Amino acid sequence: MAFLSDRSGATSQIYLIPADGGEAYPLTKFETEGSISSINWSPDGKHIAFLYRKKPEVWTKKSVEERKERELPTPPQIGRAHV
């Protein structure tokens, strides 16, 4: 079984745990903040496909904390319109 967890730090990782029990172990080791989604096993169960989107530097925890310390305003969010 695969699942998401942030147990090893601020960034979520994909973990695997054996179906017959045992300890979960990390499959991914992303060092930058981001999000993981759309986790899917291959039909033969040998591979996992997923999407990872790195968080823009301006929105990382480090950047947010620096802005608070320096009393700087929050930058504007630039997004795309979904049609």
N, C-alpha and C. Protein backbone atom coordinates (compact mmCIF):
# COMPACT_ATOMS: atom_id res chain seq x y z
N MET A 1 0.84 -1.15 0.00
CA MET A 1 0.00 0.00 0.00
C MET A 1 0.90 1.23 0.00
N ALA A 2 0.51 2.23 -0.78
CA ALA A 2 1.22 3.50 -0.83
C ALA A 2 0.37 4.57 -0.19
N PHE A 3 1.01 5.49 0.53
CA PHE A 3 0.29 6.60 1.15
C PHE A 3 1.21 7.80 1.29
N LEU A 4 0.62 8.98 1.51
CA LEU A 4 1.37 10.21 1.70
C LEU A 4 1.52 10.48 3.18
N SER A 5 2.71 10.98 3.57
CA SER A 5 2.93 11.36 4.96
C SER A 5 4.02 12.41 5.02
N ASP A 6 3.94 13.28 6.03
CA ASP A 6 5.01 14.25 6.27
C ASP A 6 5.77 13.90 7.55
N ARG A 7 5.76 12.63 7.91
CA ARG A 7 6.37 12.17 9.15
C ARG A 7 7.87 12.41 9.24
N SER A 8 8.55 12.57 8.12
CA SER A 8 10.00 12.74 8.16
C SER A 8 10.44 14.20 7.98
N GLY A 9 9.50 15.12 7.96
CA GLY A 9 9.86 16.52 7.79
C GLY A 9 8.70 17.34 7.28
N ALA A 10 9.01 18.53 6.78
CA ALA A 10 7.98 19.45 6.34
C ALA A 10 7.37 19.09 5.00
N THR A 11 8.08 18.30 4.22
CA THR A 11 7.62 17.95 2.88
C THR A 11 7.02 16.54 2.87
N SER A 12 5.82 16.41 2.33
CA SER A 12 5.19 15.10 2.24
C SER A 12 5.95 14.20 1.27
N GLN A 13 5.97 12.93 1.58
CA GLN A 13 6.62 11.92 0.76
C GLN A 13 5.64 10.77 0.55
N ILE A 14 5.93 9.95 -0.47
CA ILE A 14 5.16 8.73 -0.68
C ILE A 14 5.84 7.62 0.13
N TYR A 15 5.06 6.95 0.94
CA TYR A 15 5.55 5.83 1.74
C TYR A 15 4.90 4.55 1.26
N LEU A 16 5.61 3.45 1.43
CA LEU A 16 5.08 2.12 1.13
C LEU A 16 5.05 1.31 2.41
N ILE A 17 4.00 0.52 2.57
CA ILE A 17 3.93 -0.40 3.69
C ILE A 17 3.51 -1.76 3.13
N PRO A 18 4.20 -2.81 3.50
CA PRO A 18 3.86 -4.14 2.99
C PRO A 18 2.44 -4.55 3.36
N ALA A 19 1.76 -5.22 2.46
CA ALA A 19 0.38 -5.66 2.69
C ALA A 19 0.29 -6.66 3.84
N ASP A 20 1.38 -7.40 4.06
CA ASP A 20 1.36 -8.39 5.14
C ASP A 20 1.89 -7.83 6.46
N GLY A 21 2.02 -6.51 6.54
CA GLY A 21 2.46 -5.87 7.78
C GLY A 21 3.92 -5.44 7.72
N GLY A 22 4.33 -4.78 8.75
CA GLY A 22 5.69 -4.30 8.81
C GLY A 22 5.72 -2.78 8.88
N GLU A 23 6.89 -2.22 8.85
CA GLU A 23 7.08 -0.78 8.97
C GLU A 23 7.04 -0.11 7.61
N ALA A 24 6.42 1.05 7.57
CA ALA A 24 6.37 1.84 6.34
C ALA A 24 7.75 2.44 6.07
N TYR A 25 8.08 2.59 4.79
CA TYR A 25 9.36 3.21 4.42
C TYR A 25 9.12 4.19 3.28
N PRO A 26 9.93 5.26 3.22
CA PRO A 26 9.72 6.27 2.18
C PRO A 26 10.15 5.78 0.81
N LEU A 27 9.33 6.08 -0.18
CA LEU A 27 9.65 5.77 -1.56
C LEU A 27 10.30 6.98 -2.24
N THR A 28 9.86 8.19 -1.84
CA THR A 28 10.40 9.42 -2.42
C THR A 28 11.21 10.17 -1.38
N LYS A 29 12.06 11.08 -1.87
CA LYS A 29 12.87 11.92 -0.97
C LYS A 29 12.98 13.32 -1.56
N PHE A 30 11.83 13.97 -1.76
CA PHE A 30 11.84 15.34 -2.26
C PHE A 30 12.37 16.26 -1.17
N GLU A 31 13.35 17.08 -1.52
CA GLU A 31 13.93 17.98 -0.55
C GLU A 31 13.31 19.37 -0.61
N THR A 32 12.60 19.67 -1.68
CA THR A 32 11.95 20.97 -1.80
C THR A 32 10.47 20.82 -1.49
N GLU A 33 9.87 21.89 -0.97
CA GLU A 33 8.44 21.85 -0.66
C GLU A 33 7.64 21.74 -1.95
N GLY A 34 6.58 20.98 -1.89
CA GLY A 34 5.74 20.79 -3.06
C GLY A 34 4.55 19.91 -2.71
N SER A 35 3.83 19.51 -3.74
CA SER A 35 2.66 18.66 -3.50
C SER A 35 2.69 17.45 -4.42
N ILE A 36 2.23 16.36 -3.89
CA ILE A 36 2.15 15.09 -4.62
C ILE A 36 0.68 14.77 -4.81
N SER A 37 0.31 14.34 -6.00
CA SER A 37 -1.09 13.97 -6.26
C SER A 37 -1.16 12.88 -7.32
N SER A 38 -2.35 12.39 -7.54
CA SER A 38 -2.65 11.41 -8.58
C SER A 38 -1.75 10.18 -8.52
N ILE A 39 -1.66 9.58 -7.35
CA ILE A 39 -0.83 8.37 -7.19
C ILE A 39 -1.58 7.18 -7.78
N ASN A 40 -0.93 6.46 -8.69
CA ASN A 40 -1.54 5.28 -9.32
C ASN A 40 -0.51 4.19 -9.53
N TRP A 41 -0.90 2.97 -9.22
CA TRP A 41 -0.06 1.81 -9.48
C TRP A 41 -0.20 1.39 -10.94
N SER A 42 0.87 0.84 -11.48
CA SER A 42 0.79 0.27 -12.83
C SER A 42 -0.04 -1.01 -12.74
N PRO A 43 -0.61 -1.48 -13.86
CA PRO A 43 -1.44 -2.69 -13.83
C PRO A 43 -0.73 -3.91 -13.24
N ASP A 44 0.59 -4.02 -13.45
CA ASP A 44 1.31 -5.18 -12.91
C ASP A 44 1.77 -4.97 -11.47
N GLY A 45 1.52 -3.79 -10.89
CA GLY A 45 1.88 -3.52 -9.50
C GLY A 45 3.36 -3.29 -9.25
N LYS A 46 4.14 -3.12 -10.30
CA LYS A 46 5.59 -2.95 -10.14
C LYS A 46 6.04 -1.49 -10.12
N HIS A 47 5.16 -0.58 -10.56
CA HIS A 47 5.55 0.83 -10.67
C HIS A 47 4.44 1.72 -10.11
N ILE A 48 4.85 2.90 -9.68
CA ILE A 48 3.89 3.91 -9.22
C ILE A 48 4.10 5.16 -10.05
N ALA A 49 3.01 5.72 -10.53
CA ALA A 49 3.06 7.00 -11.24
C ALA A 49 2.39 8.04 -10.34
N PHE A 50 2.92 9.26 -10.36
CA PHE A 50 2.34 10.33 -9.56
C PHE A 50 2.76 11.67 -10.14
N LEU A 51 2.07 12.71 -9.70
CA LEU A 51 2.41 14.07 -10.11
C LEU A 51 3.04 14.78 -8.92
N TYR A 52 4.08 15.55 -9.18
CA TYR A 52 4.72 16.35 -8.15
C TYR A 52 4.85 17.77 -8.67
N ARG A 53 4.41 18.72 -7.86
CA ARG A 53 4.53 20.12 -8.25
C ARG A 53 5.30 20.85 -7.17
N LYS A 54 6.46 21.38 -7.57
CA LYS A 54 7.30 22.13 -6.64
C LYS A 54 6.62 23.44 -6.26
N LYS A 55 6.67 23.77 -4.98
CA LYS A 55 6.08 25.02 -4.50
C LYS A 55 6.98 26.17 -4.93
N PRO A 56 6.41 27.25 -5.47
CA PRO A 56 7.23 28.40 -5.85
C PRO A 56 8.01 28.93 -4.64
N GLU A 57 9.23 29.33 -4.86
CA GLU A 57 10.13 29.76 -3.78
C GLU A 57 9.49 30.81 -2.87
N VAL A 58 8.73 31.72 -3.44
CA VAL A 58 8.13 32.80 -2.66
C VAL A 58 7.12 32.29 -1.63
N TRP A 59 6.61 31.06 -1.78
CA TRP A 59 5.60 30.51 -0.87
C TRP A 59 6.15 29.42 0.05
N THR A 60 7.46 29.17 0.03
CA THR A 60 8.03 28.17 0.93
C THR A 60 7.96 28.67 2.37
N LYS A 61 8.01 27.76 3.32
CA LYS A 61 7.95 28.14 4.74
C LYS A 61 9.06 29.12 5.09
N LYS A 62 10.24 28.89 4.55
CA LYS A 62 11.38 29.76 4.83
C LYS A 62 11.09 31.19 4.36
N SER A 63 10.58 31.35 3.15
CA SER A 63 10.27 32.68 2.61
C SER A 63 9.17 33.38 3.40
N VAL A 64 8.14 32.63 3.79
CA VAL A 64 7.04 33.20 4.57
C VAL A 64 7.57 33.70 5.91
N GLU A 65 8.40 32.89 6.57
CA GLU A 65 8.96 33.29 7.87
C GLU A 65 9.85 34.53 7.73
N GLU A 66 10.66 34.58 6.66
CA GLU A 66 11.51 35.75 6.44
C GLU A 66 10.68 37.02 6.25
N ARG A 67 9.57 36.92 5.50
CA ARG A 67 8.71 38.09 5.31
C ARG A 67 8.11 38.55 6.63
N LYS A 68 7.69 37.62 7.46
CA LYS A 68 7.11 37.98 8.75
C LYS A 68 8.14 38.67 9.63
N GLU A 69 9.36 38.12 9.67
CA GLU A 69 10.42 38.72 10.48
C GLU A 69 10.75 40.14 10.02
N ARG A 70 10.76 40.36 8.74
CA ARG A 70 11.11 41.66 8.18
C ARG A 70 9.89 42.57 7.99
N GLU A 71 8.71 42.05 8.39
CA GLU A 71 7.45 42.77 8.28
C GLU A 71 7.18 43.24 6.84
N LEU A 72 7.41 42.36 5.91
CA LEU A 72 7.16 42.64 4.49
C LEU A 72 5.77 42.15 4.11
N PRO A 73 5.14 42.78 3.12
CA PRO A 73 3.81 42.35 2.70
C PRO A 73 3.84 41.01 1.96
N THR A 74 2.70 40.37 1.92
CA THR A 74 2.55 39.13 1.18
C THR A 74 2.51 39.44 -0.31
N PRO A 75 3.31 38.75 -1.12
CA PRO A 75 3.29 39.02 -2.56
C PRO A 75 1.97 38.55 -3.18
N PRO A 76 1.59 39.12 -4.32
CA PRO A 76 0.35 38.69 -4.96
C PRO A 76 0.47 37.27 -5.50
N GLN A 77 -0.63 36.56 -5.50
CA GLN A 77 -0.65 35.23 -6.09
C GLN A 77 -1.08 35.36 -7.54
N ILE A 78 -0.34 34.73 -8.40
CA ILE A 78 -0.66 34.77 -9.82
C ILE A 78 -1.17 33.38 -10.19
N GLY A 79 -2.39 33.33 -10.68
CA GLY A 79 -2.98 32.05 -11.02
C GLY A 79 -3.51 32.04 -12.42
N ARG A 80 -3.99 30.90 -12.82
CA ARG A 80 -4.57 30.75 -14.14
C ARG A 80 -6.07 30.57 -13.99
N ALA A 81 -6.80 31.13 -14.91
CA ALA A 81 -8.24 30.95 -14.91
C ALA A 81 -8.58 29.56 -15.43
N HIS A 82 -9.45 28.87 -14.73
CA HIS A 82 -9.89 27.54 -15.17
C HIS A 82 -11.21 27.71 -15.91
N VAL A 83 -11.24 27.21 -17.12
CA VAL A 83 -12.45 27.34 -17.94
C VAL A 83 -13.14 26.00 -18.01
